[in-house]
Amino acid sequence: MTGTMVAFRVSDGTDDVNATGYLSLPPSGRGPGLLVLQEWWGLVDHIKVLADRFAAAGFVALAPDLYRGEQAATPDDAQRLLMALDMPQTASALRGGAAYLRGLDTVSPKKVGAIGFCLGGQLALYSATAHPDVIDAVVDFYGIFNPKVPVDLSALRAPVQAHFGDHDHSIPRARADALMAEVAATGVRAETYFYDAGHAFFNDTRAAVYNPDAAVLAWERTLEFLRQTLV
């Protein structure tokens, strides 16, 4: 991993506090900003490596630590951390992370996208509806509406790209299609892709679900979309 942990300021509504995240810079030293949002496991090494990959592709990538130092090793742990997620605090961290990126001299042009996986995919979409003034593009990998993460699509202004697995038992295709139909109905650019794969097909640290063919194609589509919308 080539990035570093950084601290940035966020407002919790009563005071300014510190949040942390993993920051990775592109070889050129400059590029648009990108929030890389964690799966329900937390800010694990896989997410840091993804931030490095996006940095290598030309983005200033920040992966906020939304669980504040905690990580999950089992689905039960992950479910516990998800249920304990403080949404006002998370919303502040997402806005603070986007503001931090916009304030960096290395972020040029002054645009910030949000990409996330599973829980992070929904949080990426949430960030663009809660903070439409600081999020310029969204990529959602198999993230769907969850009552824990309220999404008001009426506030959406950013273009959205989404990736789903046709064999994802947790997200039937009908639900994914319904979500993206709602996104498209707002008038924003909306792209949806389905793959011959299951849930978490992009996570190459999980051999049981990783699908290299789908992951490579999704990566290429993601980079093309982000370069079109942020550069």
C-alpha atoms as a PDB file:
ATOM      1  CA  MET A   1       0.000   0.000   0.000  1.00  0.00           C
ATOM      2  CA  THR A   2       1.346   3.400  -0.988  1.00  0.00           C
ATOM      3  CA  GLY A   3      -1.062   5.781   0.769  1.00  0.00           C
ATOM      4  CA  THR A   4      -1.119   7.201   4.276  1.00  0.00           C
ATOM      5  CA  MET A   5      -3.656   7.701   7.033  1.00  0.00           C
ATOM      6  CA  VAL A   6      -4.750  11.328   7.376  1.00  0.00           C
ATOM      7  CA  ALA A   7      -7.058  13.303   9.658  1.00  0.00           C
ATOM      8  CA  PHE A   8      -9.654  15.778   8.438  1.00  0.00           C
ATOM      9  CA  ARG A   9     -12.153  18.030  10.171  1.00  0.00           C
ATOM     10  CA  VAL A  10     -15.874  17.390  10.197  1.00  0.00           C
ATOM     11  CA  SER A  11     -18.742  19.103  11.954  1.00  0.00           C
ATOM     12  CA  ASP A  12     -21.066  16.974  14.068  1.00  0.00           C
ATOM     13  CA  GLY A  13     -23.588  19.782  14.329  1.00  0.00           C
ATOM     14  CA  THR A  14     -22.317  21.090  17.655  1.00  0.00           C
ATOM     15  CA  ASP A  15     -18.548  21.124  17.270  1.00  0.00           C
ATOM     16  CA  ASP A  16     -15.724  20.356  14.849  1.00  0.00           C
ATOM     17  CA  VAL A  17     -14.123  16.948  15.374  1.00  0.00           C
ATOM     18  CA  ASN A  18     -11.498  14.848  13.637  1.00  0.00           C
ATOM     19  CA  ALA A  19     -12.212  11.984  11.286  1.00  0.00           C
ATOM     20  CA  THR A  20      -9.593   9.787   9.657  1.00  0.00           C
ATOM     21  CA  GLY A  21      -9.130   8.124   6.318  1.00  0.00           C
ATOM     22  CA  TYR A  22      -6.638   6.526   3.978  1.00  0.00           C
ATOM     23  CA  LEU A  23      -5.327   8.943   1.330  1.00  0.00           C
ATOM     24  CA  SER A  24      -3.560   7.848  -1.838  1.00  0.00           C
ATOM     25  CA  LEU A  25      -2.134  10.213  -4.460  1.00  0.00           C
ATOM     26  CA  PRO A  26      -1.725   9.709  -8.223  1.00  0.00           C
ATOM     27  CA  PRO A  27       1.763   9.460  -9.767  1.00  0.00           C
ATOM     28  CA  SER A  28       1.278  12.802 -11.517  1.00  0.00           C
ATOM     29  CA  GLY A  29       0.580  14.466  -8.168  1.00  0.00           C
ATOM     30  CA  ARG A  30      -2.738  15.886  -9.379  1.00  0.00           C
ATOM     31  CA  GLY A  31      -6.187  14.615 -10.288  1.00  0.00           C
ATOM     32  CA  PRO A  32      -9.879  14.796  -9.399  1.00  0.00           C
ATOM     33  CA  GLY A  33     -10.961  13.631  -5.957  1.00  0.00           C
ATOM     34  CA  LEU A  34     -12.609  10.300  -5.195  1.00  0.00           C
ATOM     35  CA  LEU A  35     -14.187   8.991  -1.999  1.00  0.00           C
ATOM     36  CA  VAL A  36     -13.722   5.212  -1.790  1.00  0.00           C
ATOM     37  CA  LEU A  37     -16.373   3.871   0.566  1.00  0.00           C
ATOM     38  CA  GLN A  38     -16.005   0.656   2.509  1.00  0.00           C
ATOM     39  CA  GLU A  39     -17.996  -2.557   2.514  1.00  0.00           C
ATOM     40  CA  TRP A  40     -19.616  -3.538   5.792  1.00  0.00           C
ATOM     41  CA  TRP A  41     -16.277  -4.991   6.926  1.00  0.00           C
ATOM     42  CA  GLY A  42     -14.855  -1.510   7.577  1.00  0.00           C
ATOM     43  CA  LEU A  43     -11.680   0.189   6.358  1.00  0.00           C
ATOM     44  CA  VAL A  44      -9.837  -3.076   5.737  1.00  0.00           C
ATOM     45  CA  ASP A  45      -6.721  -3.513   3.603  1.00  0.00           C
ATOM     46  CA  HIS A  46      -8.826  -4.404   0.538  1.00  0.00           C
ATOM     47  CA  ILE A  47     -10.361  -0.919   0.520  1.00  0.00           C
ATOM     48  CA  LYS A  48      -6.964   0.713   0.990  1.00  0.00           C
ATOM     49  CA  VAL A  49      -5.602  -1.257  -1.957  1.00  0.00           C
ATOM     50  CA  LEU A  50      -8.570  -0.107  -4.042  1.00  0.00           C
ATOM     51  CA  ALA A  51      -7.779   3.498  -3.103  1.00  0.00           C
ATOM     52  CA  ASP A  52      -4.224   2.883  -4.315  1.00  0.00           C
ATOM     53  CA  ARG A  53      -5.533   1.429  -7.575  1.00  0.00           C
ATOM     54  CA  PHE A  54      -7.680   4.482  -8.185  1.00  0.00           C
ATOM     55  CA  ALA A  55      -4.737   6.719  -7.349  1.00  0.00           C
ATOM     56  CA  ALA A  56      -2.586   4.846  -9.857  1.00  0.00           C
ATOM     57  CA  ALA A  57      -5.353   5.499 -12.409  1.00  0.00           C
ATOM     58  CA  GLY A  58      -5.120   9.268 -11.802  1.00  0.00           C
ATOM     59  CA  PHE A  59      -7.418  10.086  -8.883  1.00  0.00           C
ATOM     60  CA  VAL A  60      -6.736  11.568  -5.459  1.00  0.00           C
ATOM     61  CA  ALA A  61      -8.429   8.818  -3.477  1.00  0.00           C
ATOM     62  CA  LEU A  62      -9.643   9.063   0.120  1.00  0.00           C
ATOM     63  CA  ALA A  63     -11.189   6.104   1.958  1.00  0.00           C
ATOM     64  CA  PRO A  64     -12.846   7.480   5.123  1.00  0.00           C
ATOM     65  CA  ASP A  65     -12.815   5.249   8.205  1.00  0.00           C
ATOM     66  CA  LEU A  66     -16.560   5.237   8.844  1.00  0.00           C
ATOM     67  CA  TYR A  67     -16.322   2.699  11.682  1.00  0.00           C
ATOM     68  CA  ARG A  68     -13.690   4.815  13.461  1.00  0.00           C
ATOM     69  CA  GLY A  69     -11.041   2.161  13.821  1.00  0.00           C
ATOM     70  CA  GLU A  70     -13.247  -0.914  14.098  1.00  0.00           C
ATOM     71  CA  GLN A  71     -13.211  -3.753  11.572  1.00  0.00           C
ATOM     72  CA  ALA A  72     -15.250  -6.911  11.169  1.00  0.00           C
ATOM     73  CA  ALA A  73     -13.852 -10.396  10.676  1.00  0.00           C
ATOM     74  CA  THR A  74     -17.175 -12.246  10.490  1.00  0.00           C
ATOM     75  CA  PRO A  75     -20.605 -11.456   9.020  1.00  0.00           C
ATOM     76  CA  ASP A  76     -22.014 -11.232  12.542  1.00  0.00           C
ATOM     77  CA  ASP A  77     -19.404  -8.618  13.459  1.00  0.00           C
ATOM     78  CA  ALA A  78     -20.110  -6.731  10.242  1.00  0.00           C
ATOM     79  CA  GLN A  79     -23.841  -6.731  10.921  1.00  0.00           C
ATOM     80  CA  ARG A  80     -23.213  -5.408  14.427  1.00  0.00           C
ATOM     81  CA  LEU A  81     -21.048  -2.560  13.131  1.00  0.00           C
ATOM     82  CA  LEU A  82     -23.555  -1.746  10.406  1.00  0.00           C
ATOM     83  CA  MET A  83     -26.420  -1.543  12.872  1.00  0.00           C
ATOM     84  CA  ALA A  84     -24.329   0.679  15.148  1.00  0.00           C
ATOM     85  CA  LEU A  85     -23.487   3.059  12.307  1.00  0.00           C
ATOM     86  CA  ASP A  86     -24.393   6.605  13.339  1.00  0.00           C
ATOM     87  CA  MET A  87     -25.897   8.157  10.200  1.00  0.00           C
ATOM     88  CA  PRO A  88     -25.626  11.848  11.212  1.00  0.00           C
ATOM     89  CA  GLN A  89     -21.982  11.194  12.078  1.00  0.00           C
ATOM     90  CA  THR A  90     -21.489   9.285   8.839  1.00  0.00           C
ATOM     91  CA  ALA A  91     -23.100  12.064   6.809  1.00  0.00           C
ATOM     92  CA  SER A  92     -20.706  14.542   8.417  1.00  0.00           C
ATOM     93  CA  ALA A  93     -17.734  12.311   7.639  1.00  0.00           C
ATOM     94  CA  LEU A  94     -18.774  12.003   3.994  1.00  0.00           C
ATOM     95  CA  ARG A  95     -19.184  15.749   3.616  1.00  0.00           C
ATOM     96  CA  GLY A  96     -15.969  16.375   5.530  1.00  0.00           C
ATOM     97  CA  GLY A  97     -14.090  13.933   3.325  1.00  0.00           C
ATOM     98  CA  ALA A  98     -15.366  15.579   0.146  1.00  0.00           C
ATOM     99  CA  ALA A  99     -14.528  19.035   1.513  1.00  0.00           C
ATOM    100  CA  TYR A 100     -11.064  17.837   2.519  1.00  0.00           C
ATOM    101  CA  LEU A 101     -10.403  16.589  -1.007  1.00  0.00           C
ATOM    102  CA  ARG A 102     -11.661  19.812  -2.566  1.00  0.00           C
ATOM    103  CA  GLY A 103      -9.306  21.737  -0.316  1.00  0.00           C
ATOM    104  CA  LEU A 104      -6.207  19.854  -1.432  1.00  0.00           C
ATOM    105  CA  ASP A 105      -3.952  21.543  -3.989  1.00  0.00           C
ATOM    106  CA  THR A 106      -3.470  18.123  -5.555  1.00  0.00           C
ATOM    107  CA  VAL A 107      -7.176  17.865  -6.447  1.00  0.00           C
ATOM    108  CA  SER A 108      -7.571  19.387  -9.893  1.00  0.00           C
ATOM    109  CA  PRO A 109     -10.117  19.847 -11.319  1.00  0.00           C
ATOM    110  CA  LYS A 110     -12.087  20.606  -8.152  1.00  0.00           C
ATOM    111  CA  LYS A 111     -14.472  17.704  -8.549  1.00  0.00           C
ATOM    112  CA  VAL A 112     -15.131  14.771  -6.225  1.00  0.00           C
ATOM    113  CA  GLY A 113     -16.772  11.456  -7.014  1.00  0.00           C
ATOM    114  CA  ALA A 114     -17.957   8.766  -4.610  1.00  0.00           C
ATOM    115  CA  ILE A 115     -17.589   5.053  -5.236  1.00  0.00           C
ATOM    116  CA  GLY A 116     -18.604   2.320  -2.843  1.00  0.00           C
ATOM    117  CA  PHE A 117     -19.111  -1.392  -2.521  1.00  0.00           C
ATOM    118  CA  CYS A 118     -22.112  -3.101  -0.888  1.00  0.00           C
ATOM    119  CA  LEU A 119     -22.811  -0.832   2.129  1.00  0.00           C
ATOM    120  CA  GLY A 120     -20.427   1.676   0.562  1.00  0.00           C
ATOM    121  CA  GLY A 121     -22.333   1.611  -2.712  1.00  0.00           C
ATOM    122  CA  GLN A 122     -25.448   2.785  -0.965  1.00  0.00           C
ATOM    123  CA  LEU A 123     -23.438   5.322   1.011  1.00  0.00           C
ATOM    124  CA  ALA A 124     -22.004   6.658  -2.244  1.00  0.00           C
ATOM    125  CA  LEU A 125     -25.513   7.252  -3.534  1.00  0.00           C
ATOM    126  CA  TYR A 126     -26.527   8.674  -0.171  1.00  0.00           C
ATOM    127  CA  SER A 127     -23.601  11.104  -0.211  1.00  0.00           C
ATOM    128  CA  ALA A 128     -24.757  12.548  -3.524  1.00  0.00           C
ATOM    129  CA  THR A 129     -28.290  13.092  -2.213  1.00  0.00           C
ATOM    130  CA  ALA A 130     -27.273  14.440   1.203  1.00  0.00           C
ATOM    131  CA  HIS A 131     -24.494  16.649  -0.208  1.00  0.00           C
ATOM    132  CA  PRO A 132     -25.259  17.351  -3.877  1.00  0.00           C
ATOM    133  CA  ASP A 133     -23.072  20.460  -3.798  1.00  0.00           C
ATOM    134  CA  VAL A 134     -19.845  18.508  -3.172  1.00  0.00           C
ATOM    135  CA  ILE A 135     -20.378  15.133  -4.895  1.00  0.00           C
ATOM    136  CA  ASP A 136     -20.089  15.224  -8.691  1.00  0.00           C
ATOM    137  CA  ALA A 137     -20.426  11.539  -9.670  1.00  0.00           C
ATOM    138  CA  VAL A 138     -21.444   8.215  -8.097  1.00  0.00           C
ATOM    139  CA  VAL A 139     -20.465   4.617  -8.746  1.00  0.00           C
ATOM    140  CA  ASP A 140     -22.484   2.038  -6.824  1.00  0.00           C
ATOM    141  CA  PHE A 141     -21.250  -1.546  -6.694  1.00  0.00           C
ATOM    142  CA  TYR A 142     -24.147  -3.764  -5.559  1.00  0.00           C
ATOM    143  CA  GLY A 143     -25.492  -1.316  -2.999  1.00  0.00           C
ATOM    144  CA  ILE A 144     -29.256  -1.158  -2.588  1.00  0.00           C
ATOM    145  CA  PHE A 145     -31.690   0.753  -0.399  1.00  0.00           C
ATOM    146  CA  ASN A 146     -31.422  -0.152   3.289  1.00  0.00           C
ATOM    147  CA  PRO A 147     -33.541   1.562   5.964  1.00  0.00           C
ATOM    148  CA  LYS A 148     -30.316   2.220   7.854  1.00  0.00           C
ATOM    149  CA  VAL A 149     -29.109   4.501   5.044  1.00  0.00           C
ATOM    150  CA  PRO A 150     -31.923   6.856   3.962  1.00  0.00           C
ATOM    151  CA  VAL A 151     -31.637   8.067   0.367  1.00  0.00           C
ATOM    152  CA  ASP A 152     -33.795  10.930  -0.933  1.00  0.00           C
ATOM    153  CA  LEU A 153     -33.364  10.723  -4.679  1.00  0.00           C
ATOM    154  CA  SER A 154     -35.218  14.001  -5.210  1.00  0.00           C
ATOM    155  CA  ALA A 155     -31.985  15.749  -4.229  1.00  0.00           C
ATOM    156  CA  LEU A 156     -29.805  13.796  -6.681  1.00  0.00           C
ATOM    157  CA  ARG A 157     -27.841  15.888  -9.190  1.00  0.00           C
ATOM    158  CA  ALA A 158     -24.802  13.724  -9.930  1.00  0.00           C
ATOM    159  CA  PRO A 159     -24.596  11.093 -12.690  1.00  0.00           C
ATOM    160  CA  VAL A 160     -24.731   7.507 -11.430  1.00  0.00           C
ATOM    161  CA  GLN A 161     -23.210   4.259 -12.637  1.00  0.00           C
ATOM    162  CA  ALA A 162     -24.184   0.979 -10.971  1.00  0.00           C
ATOM    163  CA  HIS A 163     -22.871  -2.595 -11.119  1.00  0.00           C
ATOM    164  CA  PHE A 164     -24.818  -5.673  -9.992  1.00  0.00           C
ATOM    165  CA  GLY A 165     -24.482  -9.442 -10.177  1.00  0.00           C
ATOM    166  CA  ASP A 166     -27.230 -11.412 -11.880  1.00  0.00           C
ATOM    167  CA  HIS A 167     -26.773 -14.147  -9.271  1.00  0.00           C
ATOM    168  CA  ASP A 168     -26.751 -11.869  -6.223  1.00  0.00           C
ATOM    169  CA  HIS A 169     -29.274 -13.537  -3.910  1.00  0.00           C
ATOM    170  CA  SER A 170     -29.270 -10.541  -1.552  1.00  0.00           C
ATOM    171  CA  ILE A 171     -30.208  -8.126  -4.345  1.00  0.00           C
ATOM    172  CA  PRO A 172     -32.673  -9.606  -6.858  1.00  0.00           C
ATOM    173  CA  ARG A 173     -32.390  -8.042 -10.281  1.00  0.00           C
ATOM    174  CA  ALA A 174     -35.905  -6.626  -9.971  1.00  0.00           C
ATOM    175  CA  ARG A 175     -34.813  -4.552  -6.961  1.00  0.00           C
ATOM    176  CA  ALA A 176     -31.713  -3.297  -8.736  1.00  0.00           C
ATOM    177  CA  ASP A 177     -33.741  -2.411 -11.828  1.00  0.00           C
ATOM    178  CA  ALA A 178     -36.300  -0.587  -9.668  1.00  0.00           C
ATOM    179  CA  LEU A 179     -33.584   1.422  -7.916  1.00  0.00           C
ATOM    180  CA  MET A 180     -31.942   2.513 -11.149  1.00  0.00           C
ATOM    181  CA  ALA A 181     -35.303   3.331 -12.717  1.00  0.00           C
ATOM    182  CA  GLU A 182     -35.864   5.724  -9.821  1.00  0.00           C
ATOM    183  CA  VAL A 183     -32.406   7.191 -10.370  1.00  0.00           C
ATOM    184  CA  ALA A 184     -33.047   7.665 -14.087  1.00  0.00           C
ATOM    185  CA  ALA A 185     -36.407   9.278 -13.346  1.00  0.00           C
ATOM    186  CA  THR A 186     -34.582  12.167 -11.643  1.00  0.00           C
ATOM    187  CA  GLY A 187     -33.129  13.125 -15.019  1.00  0.00           C
ATOM    188  CA  VAL A 188     -29.479  12.405 -14.221  1.00  0.00           C
ATOM    189  CA  ARG A 189     -27.277  10.211 -16.379  1.00  0.00           C
ATOM    190  CA  ALA A 190     -27.860   6.660 -15.153  1.00  0.00           C
ATOM    191  CA  GLU A 191     -25.911   3.595 -16.303  1.00  0.00           C
ATOM    192  CA  THR A 192     -26.650   0.084 -15.040  1.00  0.00           C
ATOM    193  CA  TYR A 193     -24.610  -3.039 -15.706  1.00  0.00           C
ATOM    194  CA  PHE A 194     -25.305  -6.638 -14.743  1.00  0.00           C
ATOM    195  CA  TYR A 195     -22.730  -9.412 -14.687  1.00  0.00           C
ATOM    196  CA  ASP A 196     -22.771 -13.199 -14.678  1.00  0.00           C
ATOM    197  CA  ALA A 197     -21.682 -13.098 -11.055  1.00  0.00           C
ATOM    198  CA  GLY A 198     -22.908 -12.950  -7.479  1.00  0.00           C
ATOM    199  CA  HIS A 199     -22.620 -10.436  -4.664  1.00  0.00           C
ATOM    200  CA  ALA A 200     -19.201  -8.865  -3.967  1.00  0.00           C
ATOM    201  CA  PHE A 201     -17.835 -10.107  -7.296  1.00  0.00           C
ATOM    202  CA  PHE A 202     -15.295  -7.257  -7.304  1.00  0.00           C
ATOM    203  CA  ASN A 203     -13.642  -8.260  -4.015  1.00  0.00           C
ATOM    204  CA  ASP A 204     -10.501 -10.170  -4.998  1.00  0.00           C
ATOM    205  CA  THR A 205      -9.732 -11.041  -1.361  1.00  0.00           C
ATOM    206  CA  ARG A 206     -12.768 -13.342  -1.206  1.00  0.00           C
ATOM    207  CA  ALA A 207     -12.095 -16.295  -3.491  1.00  0.00           C
ATOM    208  CA  ALA A 208     -15.578 -17.741  -2.997  1.00  0.00           C
ATOM    209  CA  VAL A 209     -17.290 -14.750  -4.635  1.00  0.00           C
ATOM    210  CA  TYR A 210     -14.625 -12.985  -6.725  1.00  0.00           C
ATOM    211  CA  ASN A 211     -15.290 -13.082 -10.462  1.00  0.00           C
ATOM    212  CA  PRO A 212     -12.204 -11.856 -12.360  1.00  0.00           C
ATOM    213  CA  ASP A 213     -13.921 -11.445 -15.729  1.00  0.00           C
ATOM    214  CA  ALA A 214     -16.735  -9.356 -14.245  1.00  0.00           C
ATOM    215  CA  ALA A 215     -14.307  -7.402 -12.071  1.00  0.00           C
ATOM    216  CA  VAL A 216     -12.055  -6.441 -14.984  1.00  0.00           C
ATOM    217  CA  LEU A 217     -14.976  -5.298 -17.129  1.00  0.00           C
ATOM    218  CA  ALA A 218     -16.527  -3.355 -14.242  1.00  0.00           C
ATOM    219  CA  TRP A 219     -13.170  -1.695 -13.524  1.00  0.00           C
ATOM    220  CA  GLU A 220     -12.820  -0.551 -17.141  1.00  0.00           C
ATOM    221  CA  ARG A 221     -16.358   0.812 -17.206  1.00  0.00           C
ATOM    222  CA  THR A 222     -15.855   2.573 -13.884  1.00  0.00           C
ATOM    223  CA  LEU A 223     -12.674   4.335 -14.983  1.00  0.00           C
ATOM    224  CA  GLU A 224     -14.272   5.450 -18.242  1.00  0.00           C
ATOM    225  CA  PHE A 225     -17.299   6.840 -16.391  1.00  0.00           C
ATOM    226  CA  LEU A 226     -15.236   8.650 -13.756  1.00  0.00           C
ATOM    227  CA  ARG A 227     -12.949  10.186 -16.352  1.00  0.00           C
ATOM    228  CA  GLN A 228     -15.937  11.396 -18.340  1.00  0.00           C
ATOM    229  CA  THR A 229     -17.676  12.936 -15.332  1.00  0.00           C
ATOM    230  CA  LEU A 230     -14.792  14.213 -13.200  1.00  0.00           C
ATOM    231  CA  VAL A 231     -11.912  15.100 -15.513  1.00  0.00           C
END
